[in-house]
PDB file of N, CA and C in Angstrom:
ATOM      1  N   UNK A   1     -31.256  64.879  38.978  1.00  0.00           N
ATOM      2  CA  UNK A   1     -30.959  66.349  38.688  1.00  0.00           C
ATOM      3  C   UNK A   1     -32.126  66.668  37.826  1.00  0.00           C
ATOM      4  N   UNK A   2     -32.694  67.814  38.199  1.00  0.00           N
ATOM      5  CA  UNK A   2     -33.886  68.382  37.498  1.00  0.00           C
ATOM      6  C   UNK A   2     -33.432  69.510  36.547  1.00  0.00           C
ATOM      7  N   UNK A   3     -33.495  69.042  35.335  1.00  0.00           N
ATOM      8  CA  UNK A   3     -33.096  70.011  34.418  1.00  0.00           C
ATOM      9  C   UNK A   3     -34.345  70.798  33.647  1.00  0.00           C
ATOM     10  N   UNK A   4     -34.282  71.937  33.478  1.00  0.00           N
ATOM     11  CA  UNK A   4     -35.554  72.916  32.983  1.00  0.00           C
ATOM     12  C   UNK A   4     -35.028  73.029  31.549  1.00  0.00           C
ATOM     13  N   UNK A   5     -36.096  72.850  30.559  1.00  0.00           N
ATOM     14  CA  UNK A   5     -35.813  73.277  29.218  1.00  0.00           C
ATOM     15  C   UNK A   5     -36.086  74.702  29.106  1.00  0.00           C
ATOM     16  N   UNK A   6     -35.358  75.478  28.221  1.00  0.00           N
ATOM     17  CA  UNK A   6     -35.409  76.900  27.931  1.00  0.00           C
ATOM     18  C   UNK A   6     -35.560  76.998  26.490  1.00  0.00           C
ATOM     19  N   UNK A   7     -36.790  77.470  25.860  1.00  0.00           N
ATOM     20  CA  UNK A   7     -36.909  77.730  24.696  1.00  0.00           C
ATOM     21  C   UNK A   7     -36.513  78.920  24.333  1.00  0.00           C
ATOM     22  N   UNK A   8     -35.772  79.253  23.319  1.00  0.00           N
ATOM     23  CA  UNK A   8     -35.480  80.691  22.724  1.00  0.00           C
ATOM     24  C   UNK A   8     -36.282  81.399  21.668  1.00  0.00           C
ATOM     25  N   UNK A   9     -37.287  80.676  20.927  1.00  0.00           N
ATOM     26  CA  UNK A   9     -38.378  81.080  20.222  1.00  0.00           C
ATOM     27  C   UNK A   9     -39.463  80.000  20.044  1.00  0.00           C
ATOM     28  N   UNK A  10     -40.352  80.290  19.437  1.00  0.00           N
ATOM     29  CA  UNK A  10     -41.790  79.645  19.474  1.00  0.00           C
ATOM     30  C   UNK A  10     -41.407  78.364  18.586  1.00  0.00           C
ATOM     31  N   UNK A  11     -40.403  78.498  17.414  1.00  0.00           N
ATOM     32  CA  UNK A  11     -40.010  77.361  16.741  1.00  0.00           C
ATOM     33  C   UNK A  11     -39.614  76.363  17.470  1.00  0.00           C
ATOM     34  N   UNK A  12     -38.558  76.660  18.769  1.00  0.00           N
ATOM     35  CA  UNK A  12     -37.944  75.633  19.369  1.00  0.00           C
ATOM     36  C   UNK A  12     -39.126  74.901  20.149  1.00  0.00           C
ATOM     37  N   UNK A  13     -40.272  75.532  20.678  1.00  0.00           N
ATOM     38  CA  UNK A  13     -41.345  74.764  21.217  1.00  0.00           C
ATOM     39  C   UNK A  13     -42.154  73.812  20.249  1.00  0.00           C
ATOM     40  N   UNK A  14     -42.318  74.391  19.213  1.00  0.00           N
ATOM     41  CA  UNK A  14     -42.974  73.335  18.411  1.00  0.00           C
ATOM     42  C   UNK A  14     -42.147  72.274  18.015  1.00  0.00           C
ATOM     43  N   UNK A  15     -40.651  72.474  17.651  1.00  0.00           N
ATOM     44  CA  UNK A  15     -39.848  71.366  17.377  1.00  0.00           C
ATOM     45  C   UNK A  15     -39.571  70.426  18.511  1.00  0.00           C
ATOM     46  N   UNK A  16     -39.768  70.884  19.541  1.00  0.00           N
ATOM     47  CA  UNK A  16     -39.534  69.860  20.923  1.00  0.00           C
ATOM     48  C   UNK A  16     -41.022  69.171  21.093  1.00  0.00           C
ATOM     49  N   UNK A  17     -42.206  69.596  20.573  1.00  0.00           N
ATOM     50  CA  UNK A  17     -43.325  68.817  20.972  1.00  0.00           C
ATOM     51  C   UNK A  17     -43.678  68.070  19.581  1.00  0.00           C
ATOM     52  N   UNK A  18     -42.992  68.428  18.333  1.00  0.00           N
ATOM     53  CA  UNK A  18     -43.359  67.735  17.317  1.00  0.00           C
ATOM     54  C   UNK A  18     -42.909  66.187  17.298  1.00  0.00           C
ATOM     55  N   UNK A  19     -41.903  65.996  18.324  1.00  0.00           N
ATOM     56  CA  UNK A  19     -41.566  64.573  18.093  1.00  0.00           C
ATOM     57  C   UNK A  19     -42.693  63.513  19.261  1.00  0.00           C
ATOM     58  N   UNK A  20     -43.398  64.417  20.069  1.00  0.00           N
ATOM     59  CA  UNK A  20     -44.638  63.664  21.078  1.00  0.00           C
ATOM     60  C   UNK A  20     -45.397  62.856  20.275  1.00  0.00           C
ATOM     61  N   UNK A  21     -45.621  61.867  20.823  1.00  0.00           N
ATOM     62  CA  UNK A  21     -46.756  60.844  20.379  1.00  0.00           C
ATOM     63  C   UNK A  21     -48.122  61.469  20.355  1.00  0.00           C
ATOM     64  N   UNK A  22     -49.025  61.533  19.590  1.00  0.00           N
ATOM     65  CA  UNK A  22     -50.338  61.796  19.494  1.00  0.00           C
ATOM     66  C   UNK A  22     -50.527  63.156  19.219  1.00  0.00           C
ATOM     67  N   UNK A  23     -51.517  63.403  18.195  1.00  0.00           N
ATOM     68  CA  UNK A  23     -51.753  64.509  17.953  1.00  0.00           C
ATOM     69  C   UNK A  23     -52.520  65.659  18.804  1.00  0.00           C
ATOM     70  N   UNK A  24     -53.011  65.040  20.000  1.00  0.00           N
ATOM     71  CA  UNK A  24     -53.533  65.766  20.942  1.00  0.00           C
ATOM     72  C   UNK A  24     -52.600  66.520  21.557  1.00  0.00           C
ATOM     73  N   UNK A  25     -51.488  66.012  22.118  1.00  0.00           N
ATOM     74  CA  UNK A  25     -50.404  66.358  22.904  1.00  0.00           C
ATOM     75  C   UNK A  25     -49.750  67.644  22.028  1.00  0.00           C
ATOM     76  N   UNK A  26     -49.575  67.185  20.802  1.00  0.00           N
ATOM     77  CA  UNK A  26     -48.807  68.095  19.620  1.00  0.00           C
ATOM     78  C   UNK A  26     -49.860  69.423  19.610  1.00  0.00           C
ATOM     79  N   UNK A  27     -51.090  69.411  19.432  1.00  0.00           N
ATOM     80  CA  UNK A  27     -51.950  70.292  19.210  1.00  0.00           C
ATOM     81  C   UNK A  27     -52.067  71.262  20.186  1.00  0.00           C
ATOM     82  N   UNK A  28     -52.191  70.581  21.609  1.00  0.00           N
ATOM     83  CA  UNK A  28     -52.156  71.394  22.799  1.00  0.00           C
ATOM     84  C   UNK A  28     -50.994  72.404  22.967  1.00  0.00           C
ATOM     85  N   UNK A  29     -49.745  71.886  22.679  1.00  0.00           N
ATOM     86  CA  UNK A  29     -48.425  72.352  22.666  1.00  0.00           C
ATOM     87  C   UNK A  29     -48.489  73.766  21.731  1.00  0.00           C
ATOM     88  N   UNK A  30     -49.044  73.605  20.615  1.00  0.00           N
ATOM     89  CA  UNK A  30     -49.022  74.420  19.559  1.00  0.00           C
ATOM     90  C   UNK A  30     -50.075  75.465  19.959  1.00  0.00           C
ATOM     91  N   UNK A  31     -51.376  75.034  20.689  1.00  0.00           N
ATOM     92  CA  UNK A  31     -52.099  75.929  20.946  1.00  0.00           C
ATOM     93  C   UNK A  31     -51.730  77.018  21.970  1.00  0.00           C
ATOM     94  N   UNK A  32     -50.983  76.412  23.071  1.00  0.00           N
ATOM     95  CA  UNK A  32     -50.215  77.063  24.235  1.00  0.00           C
ATOM     96  C   UNK A  32     -49.449  78.311  23.530  1.00  0.00           C
ATOM     97  N   UNK A  33     -48.595  77.705  22.634  1.00  0.00           N
ATOM     98  CA  UNK A  33     -47.634  78.781  22.066  1.00  0.00           C
ATOM     99  C   UNK A  33     -48.281  79.731  21.322  1.00  0.00           C
ATOM    100  N   UNK A  34     -49.008  79.474  20.647  1.00  0.00           N
ATOM    101  CA  UNK A  34     -50.253  80.245  19.712  1.00  0.00           C
ATOM    102  C   UNK A  34     -50.794  81.503  20.581  1.00  0.00           C
ATOM    103  N   UNK A  35     -51.337  80.924  21.760  1.00  0.00           N
ATOM    104  CA  UNK A  35     -51.926  82.011  22.736  1.00  0.00           C
ATOM    105  C   UNK A  35     -50.795  82.844  23.265  1.00  0.00           C
ATOM    106  N   UNK A  36     -49.631  82.409  23.642  1.00  0.00           N
ATOM    107  CA  UNK A  36     -48.585  83.276  23.993  1.00  0.00           C
ATOM    108  C   UNK A  36     -48.254  84.315  23.018  1.00  0.00           C
ATOM    109  N   UNK A  37     -48.014  83.658  21.816  1.00  0.00           N
ATOM    110  CA  UNK A  37     -47.937  84.736  20.718  1.00  0.00           C
ATOM    111  C   UNK A  37     -48.869  85.725  20.213  1.00  0.00           C
ATOM    112  N   UNK A  38     -50.029  85.362  20.439  1.00  0.00           N
ATOM    113  CA  UNK A  38     -51.075  86.079  20.291  1.00  0.00           C
ATOM    114  C   UNK A  38     -51.316  87.292  21.211  1.00  0.00           C
ATOM    115  N   UNK A  39     -50.836  86.822  22.466  1.00  0.00           N
ATOM    116  CA  UNK A  39     -50.977  88.259  23.868  1.00  0.00           C
ATOM    117  C   UNK A  39     -49.822  89.039  23.333  1.00  0.00           C
ATOM    118  N   UNK A  40     -48.601  88.486  22.640  1.00  0.00           N
ATOM    119  CA  UNK A  40     -47.302  89.674  22.162  1.00  0.00           C
ATOM    120  C   UNK A  40     -47.826  90.369  21.190  1.00  0.00           C
ATOM    121  N   UNK A  41     -48.698  90.007  20.132  1.00  0.00           N
ATOM    122  CA  UNK A  41     -48.827  90.395  18.936  1.00  0.00           C
ATOM    123  C   UNK A  41     -49.985  91.799  19.505  1.00  0.00           C
ATOM    124  N   UNK A  42     -50.780  91.331  20.555  1.00  0.00           N
ATOM    125  CA  UNK A  42     -51.920  92.408  20.806  1.00  0.00           C
ATOM    126  C   UNK A  42     -51.095  93.689  21.487  1.00  0.00           C
ATOM    127  N   UNK A  43     -49.886  93.014  22.480  1.00  0.00           N
ATOM    128  CA  UNK A  43     -49.277  94.004  23.187  1.00  0.00           C
ATOM    129  C   UNK A  43     -48.382  94.732  22.358  1.00  0.00           C
ATOM    130  N   UNK A  44     -47.932  94.341  21.397  1.00  0.00           N
ATOM    131  CA  UNK A  44     -46.975  94.975  20.424  1.00  0.00           C
ATOM    132  C   UNK A  44     -47.781  95.926  19.458  1.00  0.00           C
ATOM    133  N   UNK A  45     -48.984  95.789  19.074  1.00  0.00           N
ATOM    134  CA  UNK A  45     -49.750  96.460  18.477  1.00  0.00           C
ATOM    135  C   UNK A  45     -49.799  97.735  19.267  1.00  0.00           C
ATOM    136  N   UNK A  46     -50.322  97.582  20.415  1.00  0.00           N
ATOM    137  CA  UNK A  46     -50.586  98.669  21.561  1.00  0.00           C
ATOM    138  C   UNK A  46     -49.317  99.400  21.520  1.00  0.00           C
ATOM    139  N   UNK A  47     -48.173  98.874  21.732  1.00  0.00           N
ATOM    140  CA  UNK A  47     -46.867  99.730  22.173  1.00  0.00           C
ATOM    141  C   UNK A  47     -46.776 100.484  20.775  1.00  0.00           C
ATOM    142  N   UNK A  48     -46.890  99.874  19.606  1.00  0.00           N
ATOM    143  CA  UNK A  48     -46.695 100.720  18.423  1.00  0.00           C
ATOM    144  C   UNK A  48     -47.635 101.819  18.198  1.00  0.00           C
ATOM    145  N   UNK A  49     -49.000 101.685  18.556  1.00  0.00           N
ATOM    146  CA  UNK A  49     -49.751 102.993  18.509  1.00  0.00           C
ATOM    147  C   UNK A  49     -49.288 103.877  19.463  1.00  0.00           C
ATOM    148  N   UNK A  50     -48.925 103.560  20.626  1.00  0.00           N
ATOM    149  CA  UNK A  50     -48.238 104.657  21.688  1.00  0.00           C
ATOM    150  C   UNK A  50     -47.150 105.443  21.368  1.00  0.00           C
ATOM    151  N   UNK A  51     -46.142 104.535  20.413  1.00  0.00           N
ATOM    152  CA  UNK A  51     -44.902 105.124  20.077  1.00  0.00           C
ATOM    153  C   UNK A  51     -45.260 105.981  18.742  1.00  0.00           C
ATOM    154  N   UNK A  52     -45.992 105.574  17.924  1.00  0.00           N
ATOM    155  CA  UNK A  52     -46.652 106.541  16.583  1.00  0.00           C
ATOM    156  C   UNK A  52     -47.328 107.598  17.359  1.00  0.00           C
ATOM    157  N   UNK A  53     -48.238 107.560  18.191  1.00  0.00           N
ATOM    158  CA  UNK A  53     -48.687 109.025  18.840  1.00  0.00           C
ATOM    159  C   UNK A  53     -47.585 109.764  19.377  1.00  0.00           C
ATOM    160  N   UNK A  54     -46.687 109.366  20.020  1.00  0.00           N
ATOM    161  CA  UNK A  54     -45.560 110.273  20.578  1.00  0.00           C
ATOM    162  C   UNK A  54     -44.764 110.778  19.397  1.00  0.00           C
ATOM    163  N   UNK A  55     -44.535 110.221  18.395  1.00  0.00           N
ATOM    164  CA  UNK A  55     -43.739 110.656  17.241  1.00  0.00           C
ATOM    165  C   UNK A  55     -44.711 111.736  16.418  1.00  0.00           C
ATOM    166  N   UNK A  56     -45.963 111.465  16.333  1.00  0.00           N
ATOM    167  CA  UNK A  56     -46.737 112.576  15.842  1.00  0.00           C
ATOM    168  C   UNK A  56     -46.891 113.669  16.738  1.00  0.00           C
ATOM    169  N   UNK A  57     -46.691 113.661  18.167  1.00  0.00           N
ATOM    170  CA  UNK A  57     -46.785 114.982  19.050  1.00  0.00           C
ATOM    171  C   UNK A  57     -45.192 115.713  18.822  1.00  0.00           C
ATOM    172  N   UNK A  58     -44.291 115.132  18.782  1.00  0.00           N
ATOM    173  CA  UNK A  58     -42.794 115.443  18.607  1.00  0.00           C
ATOM    174  C   UNK A  58     -42.965 116.040  17.139  1.00  0.00           C
ATOM    175  N   UNK A  59     -43.548 115.545  15.896  1.00  0.00           N
ATOM    176  CA  UNK A  59     -43.433 116.221  14.860  1.00  0.00           C
ATOM    177  C   UNK A  59     -44.568 117.691  14.768  1.00  0.00           C
ATOM    178  N   UNK A  60     -45.442 117.474  15.477  1.00  0.00           N
ATOM    179  CA  UNK A  60     -46.339 118.671  15.719  1.00  0.00           C
ATOM    180  C   UNK A  60     -45.919 119.565  16.425  1.00  0.00           C
ATOM    181  N   UNK A  61     -44.837 119.424  17.671  1.00  0.00           N
ATOM    182  CA  UNK A  61     -44.201 120.472  18.234  1.00  0.00           C
ATOM    183  C   UNK A  61     -42.828 120.896  17.706  1.00  0.00           C
ATOM    184  N   UNK A  62     -42.526 120.425  16.438  1.00  0.00           N
ATOM    185  CA  UNK A  62     -41.250 120.790  15.867  1.00  0.00           C
ATOM    186  C   UNK A  62     -39.945 120.266  16.477  1.00  0.00           C
ATOM    187  N   UNK A  63     -40.310 119.096  17.211  1.00  0.00           N
ATOM    188  CA  UNK A  63     -39.002 118.498  18.019  1.00  0.00           C
ATOM    189  C   UNK A  63     -38.467 117.524  17.035  1.00  0.00           C
ATOM    190  N   UNK A  64     -37.151 117.497  17.438  1.00  0.00           N
ATOM    191  CA  UNK A  64     -36.603 116.353  16.497  1.00  0.00           C
ATOM    192  C   UNK A  64     -36.677 114.984  16.893  1.00  0.00           C
ATOM    193  N   UNK A  65     -37.087 114.360  15.864  1.00  0.00           N
ATOM    194  CA  UNK A  65     -37.609 112.850  16.238  1.00  0.00           C
ATOM    195  C   UNK A  65     -36.863 111.746  15.446  1.00  0.00           C
ATOM    196  N   UNK A  66     -35.674 112.271  14.889  1.00  0.00           N
ATOM    197  CA  UNK A  66     -34.763 111.289  14.297  1.00  0.00           C
ATOM    198  C   UNK A  66     -34.151 110.112  15.263  1.00  0.00           C
ATOM    199  N   UNK A  67     -34.150 110.475  16.577  1.00  0.00           N
ATOM    200  CA  UNK A  67     -33.706 109.417  17.276  1.00  0.00           C
ATOM    201  C   UNK A  67     -34.673 108.426  17.774  1.00  0.00           C
ATOM    202  N   UNK A  68     -35.939 108.871  17.530  1.00  0.00           N
ATOM    203  CA  UNK A  68     -36.893 107.957  17.841  1.00  0.00           C
ATOM    204  C   UNK A  68     -37.493 107.106  16.669  1.00  0.00           C
ATOM    205  N   UNK A  69     -37.066 107.634  15.423  1.00  0.00           N
ATOM    206  CA  UNK A  69     -37.437 106.881  14.292  1.00  0.00           C
ATOM    207  C   UNK A  69     -36.793 105.299  14.122  1.00  0.00           C
ATOM    208  N   UNK A  70     -35.559 105.122  14.626  1.00  0.00           N
ATOM    209  CA  UNK A  70     -35.089 103.763  14.427  1.00  0.00           C
ATOM    210  C   UNK A  70     -35.851 102.843  15.416  1.00  0.00           C
ATOM    211  N   UNK A  71     -36.316 103.443  16.653  1.00  0.00           N
ATOM    212  CA  UNK A  71     -36.794 102.598  17.491  1.00  0.00           C
ATOM    213  C   UNK A  71     -38.117 102.099  16.965  1.00  0.00           C
ATOM    214  N   UNK A  72     -38.819 103.064  16.426  1.00  0.00           N
ATOM    215  CA  UNK A  72     -40.168 102.738  15.754  1.00  0.00           C
ATOM    216  C   UNK A  72     -40.012 101.899  14.503  1.00  0.00           C
ATOM    217  N   UNK A  73     -39.028 101.721  13.907  1.00  0.00           N
ATOM    218  CA  UNK A  73     -38.596 100.599  12.836  1.00  0.00           C
ATOM    219  C   UNK A  73     -38.339  99.136  13.516  1.00  0.00           C
ATOM    220  N   UNK A  74     -37.414  99.316  14.524  1.00  0.00           N
ATOM    221  CA  UNK A  74     -37.205  98.225  15.181  1.00  0.00           C
ATOM    222  C   UNK A  74     -38.427  97.400  15.842  1.00  0.00           C
ATOM    223  N   UNK A  75     -39.380  98.352  16.316  1.00  0.00           N
ATOM    224  CA  UNK A  75     -40.722  97.971  16.954  1.00  0.00           C
ATOM    225  C   UNK A  75     -41.641  97.141  15.576  1.00  0.00           C
ATOM    226  N   UNK A  76     -41.487  97.913  14.376  1.00  0.00           N
ATOM    227  CA  UNK A  76     -42.236  97.220  13.232  1.00  0.00           C
ATOM    228  C   UNK A  76     -41.890  95.796  13.095  1.00  0.00           C
ATOM    229  N   UNK A  77     -40.316  95.929  12.806  1.00  0.00           N
ATOM    230  CA  UNK A  77     -39.665  94.567  12.670  1.00  0.00           C
ATOM    231  C   UNK A  77     -39.877  93.458  13.692  1.00  0.00           C
ATOM    232  N   UNK A  78     -40.015  93.688  14.863  1.00  0.00           N
ATOM    233  CA  UNK A  78     -40.247  93.003  15.901  1.00  0.00           C
ATOM    234  C   UNK A  78     -41.938  92.587  15.654  1.00  0.00           C
ATOM    235  N   UNK A  79     -42.724  93.383  15.525  1.00  0.00           N
ATOM    236  CA  UNK A  79     -43.937  92.912  15.433  1.00  0.00           C
ATOM    237  C   UNK A  79     -44.281  92.204  14.095  1.00  0.00           C
ATOM    238  N   UNK A  80     -43.532  92.159  12.959  1.00  0.00           N
ATOM    239  CA  UNK A  80     -43.718  91.629  11.641  1.00  0.00           C
ATOM    240  C   UNK A  80     -43.193  90.091  12.119  1.00  0.00           C
ATOM    241  N   UNK A  81     -42.258  89.957  13.070  1.00  0.00           N
ATOM    242  CA  UNK A  81     -41.777  88.433  13.637  1.00  0.00           C
ATOM    243  C   UNK A  81     -42.755  88.067  14.244  1.00  0.00           C
ATOM    244  N   UNK A  82     -43.550  88.730  15.116  1.00  0.00           N
ATOM    245  CA  UNK A  82     -44.486  88.152  15.762  1.00  0.00           C
ATOM    246  C   UNK A  82     -45.659  87.606  15.102  1.00  0.00           C
ATOM    247  N   UNK A  83     -46.031  88.623  14.046  1.00  0.00           N
ATOM    248  CA  UNK A  83     -47.159  88.002  12.989  1.00  0.00           C
ATOM    249  C   UNK A  83     -46.644  86.861  12.369  1.00  0.00           C
ATOM    250  N   UNK A  84     -45.379  86.453  11.947  1.00  0.00           N
ATOM    251  CA  UNK A  84     -44.925  85.544  11.316  1.00  0.00           C
ATOM    252  C   UNK A  84     -45.038  84.206  12.036  1.00  0.00           C
ATOM    253  N   UNK A  85     -44.647  84.450  13.239  1.00  0.00           N
ATOM    254  CA  UNK A  85     -44.659  83.412  14.154  1.00  0.00           C
ATOM    255  C   UNK A  85     -46.251  82.894  14.591  1.00  0.00           C
ATOM    256  N   UNK A  86     -47.068  83.811  14.465  1.00  0.00           N
ATOM    257  CA  UNK A  86     -48.670  83.384  14.657  1.00  0.00           C
ATOM    258  C   UNK A  86     -48.873  82.712  13.172  1.00  0.00           C
ATOM    259  N   UNK A  87     -48.603  83.247  12.149  1.00  0.00           N
ATOM    260  CA  UNK A  87     -49.098  82.672  11.121  1.00  0.00           C
ATOM    261  C   UNK A  87     -48.498  81.240  10.697  1.00  0.00           C
ATOM    262  N   UNK A  88     -47.203  81.023  11.322  1.00  0.00           N
ATOM    263  CA  UNK A  88     -46.621  79.606  11.060  1.00  0.00           C
ATOM    264  C   UNK A  88     -47.340  78.702  12.122  1.00  0.00           C
ATOM    265  N   UNK A  89     -47.501  78.951  13.392  1.00  0.00           N
ATOM    266  CA  UNK A  89     -48.200  78.261  14.317  1.00  0.00           C
ATOM    267  C   UNK A  89     -49.729  77.980  13.765  1.00  0.00           C
ATOM    268  N   UNK A  90     -50.497  78.788  13.285  1.00  0.00           N
ATOM    269  CA  UNK A  90     -51.686  78.572  12.570  1.00  0.00           C
ATOM    270  C   UNK A  90     -51.687  77.422  11.717  1.00  0.00           C
ATOM    271  N   UNK A  91     -50.440  77.671  10.626  1.00  0.00           N
ATOM    272  CA  UNK A  91     -50.274  76.842   9.721  1.00  0.00           C
ATOM    273  C   UNK A  91     -50.121  75.445  10.085  1.00  0.00           C
ATOM    274  N   UNK A  92     -49.421  75.306  11.426  1.00  0.00           N
ATOM    275  CA  UNK A  92     -49.012  73.897  12.037  1.00  0.00           C
ATOM    276  C   UNK A  92     -50.362  73.281  12.187  1.00  0.00           C
ATOM    277  N   UNK A  93     -51.299  73.886  12.776  1.00  0.00           N
ATOM    278  CA  UNK A  93     -52.510  73.565  13.386  1.00  0.00           C
ATOM    279  C   UNK A  93     -52.965  72.864  12.341  1.00  0.00           C
ATOM    280  N   UNK A  94     -53.266  73.587  10.965  1.00  0.00           N
ATOM    281  CA  UNK A  94     -54.226  73.078   9.889  1.00  0.00           C
ATOM    282  C   UNK A  94     -54.073  71.682   9.564  1.00  0.00           C
ATOM    283  N   UNK A  95     -52.896  71.148   9.394  1.00  0.00           N
ATOM    284  CA  UNK A  95     -52.757  69.499   9.055  1.00  0.00           C
ATOM    285  C   UNK A  95     -53.348  68.760   9.979  1.00  0.00           C
ATOM    286  N   UNK A  96     -53.137  69.136  11.445  1.00  0.00           N
ATOM    287  CA  UNK A  96     -53.667  68.255  12.609  1.00  0.00           C
ATOM    288  C   UNK A  96     -54.920  68.545  12.349  1.00  0.00           C
ATOM    289  N   UNK A  97     -55.706  69.474  12.244  1.00  0.00           N
ATOM    290  CA  UNK A  97     -57.255  69.804  11.996  1.00  0.00           C
ATOM    291  C   UNK A  97     -57.732  68.874  10.838  1.00  0.00           C
ATOM    292  N   UNK A  98     -56.947  68.805   9.963  1.00  0.00           N
ATOM    293  CA  UNK A  98     -57.310  67.914   8.703  1.00  0.00           C
ATOM    294  C   UNK A  98     -57.350  66.581   9.034  1.00  0.00           C
ATOM    295  N   UNK A  99     -56.332  66.282   9.808  1.00  0.00           N
ATOM    296  CA  UNK A  99     -56.179  64.823  10.089  1.00  0.00           C
ATOM    297  C   UNK A  99     -57.477  64.457  10.998  1.00  0.00           C
ATOM    298  N   UNK A 100     -57.393  65.070  11.983  1.00  0.00           N
ATOM    299  CA  UNK A 100     -58.555  64.866  13.016  1.00  0.00           C
ATOM    300  C   UNK A 100     -59.831  64.629  12.229  1.00  0.00           C
ATOM    301  N   UNK A 101     -60.377  65.430  11.190  1.00  0.00           N
ATOM    302  CA  UNK A 101     -61.675  65.582  10.574  1.00  0.00           C
ATOM    303  C   UNK A 101     -61.631  64.059   9.489  1.00  0.00           C
ATOM    304  N   UNK A 102     -60.274  63.746   9.109  1.00  0.00           N
ATOM    305  CA  UNK A 102     -60.234  62.284   8.310  1.00  0.00           C
ATOM    306  C   UNK A 102     -60.625  61.422   8.965  1.00  0.00           C
ATOM    307  N   UNK A 103     -59.904  61.379  10.369  1.00  0.00           N
ATOM    308  CA  UNK A 103     -60.183  60.087  11.498  1.00  0.00           C
ATOM    309  C   UNK A 103     -61.588  60.096  11.664  1.00  0.00           C
ATOM    310  N   UNK A 104     -62.366  61.190  12.071  1.00  0.00           N
ATOM    311  CA  UNK A 104     -63.841  61.022  12.354  1.00  0.00           C
ATOM    312  C   UNK A 104     -64.398  60.811  11.296  1.00  0.00           C
ATOM    313  N   UNK A 105     -64.064  61.018  10.045  1.00  0.00           N
ATOM    314  CA  UNK A 105     -64.894  60.620   9.011  1.00  0.00           C
ATOM    315  C   UNK A 105     -64.895  59.200   8.605  1.00  0.00           C
ATOM    316  N   UNK A 106     -63.732  58.430   8.765  1.00  0.00           N
ATOM    317  CA  UNK A 106     -63.391  57.136   8.627  1.00  0.00           C
ATOM    318  C   UNK A 106     -64.121  56.504  10.015  1.00  0.00           C
ATOM    319  N   UNK A 107     -64.127  56.915  10.967  1.00  0.00           N
ATOM    320  CA  UNK A 107     -64.826  56.226  12.249  1.00  0.00           C
ATOM    321  C   UNK A 107     -66.484  56.186  11.919  1.00  0.00           C
ATOM    322  N   UNK A 108     -66.899  57.301  11.263  1.00  0.00           N
ATOM    323  CA  UNK A 108     -68.276  57.398  11.078  1.00  0.00           C
ATOM    324  C   UNK A 108     -68.513  56.327   9.962  1.00  0.00           C
ATOM    325  N   UNK A 109     -67.990  56.394   9.078  1.00  0.00           N
ATOM    326  CA  UNK A 109     -67.853  55.356   7.901  1.00  0.00           C
ATOM    327  C   UNK A 109     -68.062  53.929   8.519  1.00  0.00           C
ATOM    328  N   UNK A 110     -67.030  53.580   9.247  1.00  0.00           N
ATOM    329  CA  UNK A 110     -66.780  52.280   9.907  1.00  0.00           C
ATOM    330  C   UNK A 110     -68.351  51.965  10.703  1.00  0.00           C
ATOM    331  N   UNK A 111     -68.741  52.855  11.312  1.00  0.00           N
ATOM    332  CA  UNK A 111     -70.034  52.753  12.355  1.00  0.00           C
ATOM    333  C   UNK A 111     -71.246  52.697  11.315  1.00  0.00           C
ATOM    334  N   UNK A 112     -70.970  53.128  10.202  1.00  0.00           N
ATOM    335  CA  UNK A 112     -72.324  53.002   9.176  1.00  0.00           C
ATOM    336  C   UNK A 112     -73.045  54.396   9.166  1.00  0.00           C
ATOM    337  N   UNK A 113     -72.530  55.426   9.983  1.00  0.00           N
ATOM    338  CA  UNK A 113     -73.078  56.719  10.014  1.00  0.00           C
ATOM    339  C   UNK A 113     -72.550  57.732   8.974  1.00  0.00           C
ATOM    340  N   UNK A 114     -72.006  57.332   7.884  1.00  0.00           N
ATOM    341  CA  UNK A 114     -71.595  58.287   6.913  1.00  0.00           C
ATOM    342  C   UNK A 114     -72.023  59.714   6.840  1.00  0.00           C
ATOM    343  N   UNK A 115     -71.308  60.386   6.085  1.00  0.00           N
ATOM    344  CA  UNK A 115     -71.672  61.773   6.209  1.00  0.00           C
ATOM    345  C   UNK A 115     -73.192  62.026   5.804  1.00  0.00           C
TER     346      UNK A 115
END
């Protein structure tokens, strides 16, 4: 039976791959998720700009824009969540990068090629 894993958030992806052996696989999983989240951030920024431009036009033409305001607020909250996901993923990469540097320095020290 072939079962496909479905993740509901980027945190699920990171949790799933956190148990993988090897920093390389862990880093690749985080990088893949980070790439996806960054695309969503860019798309969200574009959509926010478009929505805000529409609201400016509505106000300029003296139309009622009160129904559009909650949609814009929701879009801002979603964008904040995406930004937080991106920051969390970046922070997960930092310890991996630090560990890789330490490992490289240890290897250089053992080879007699110190810094």
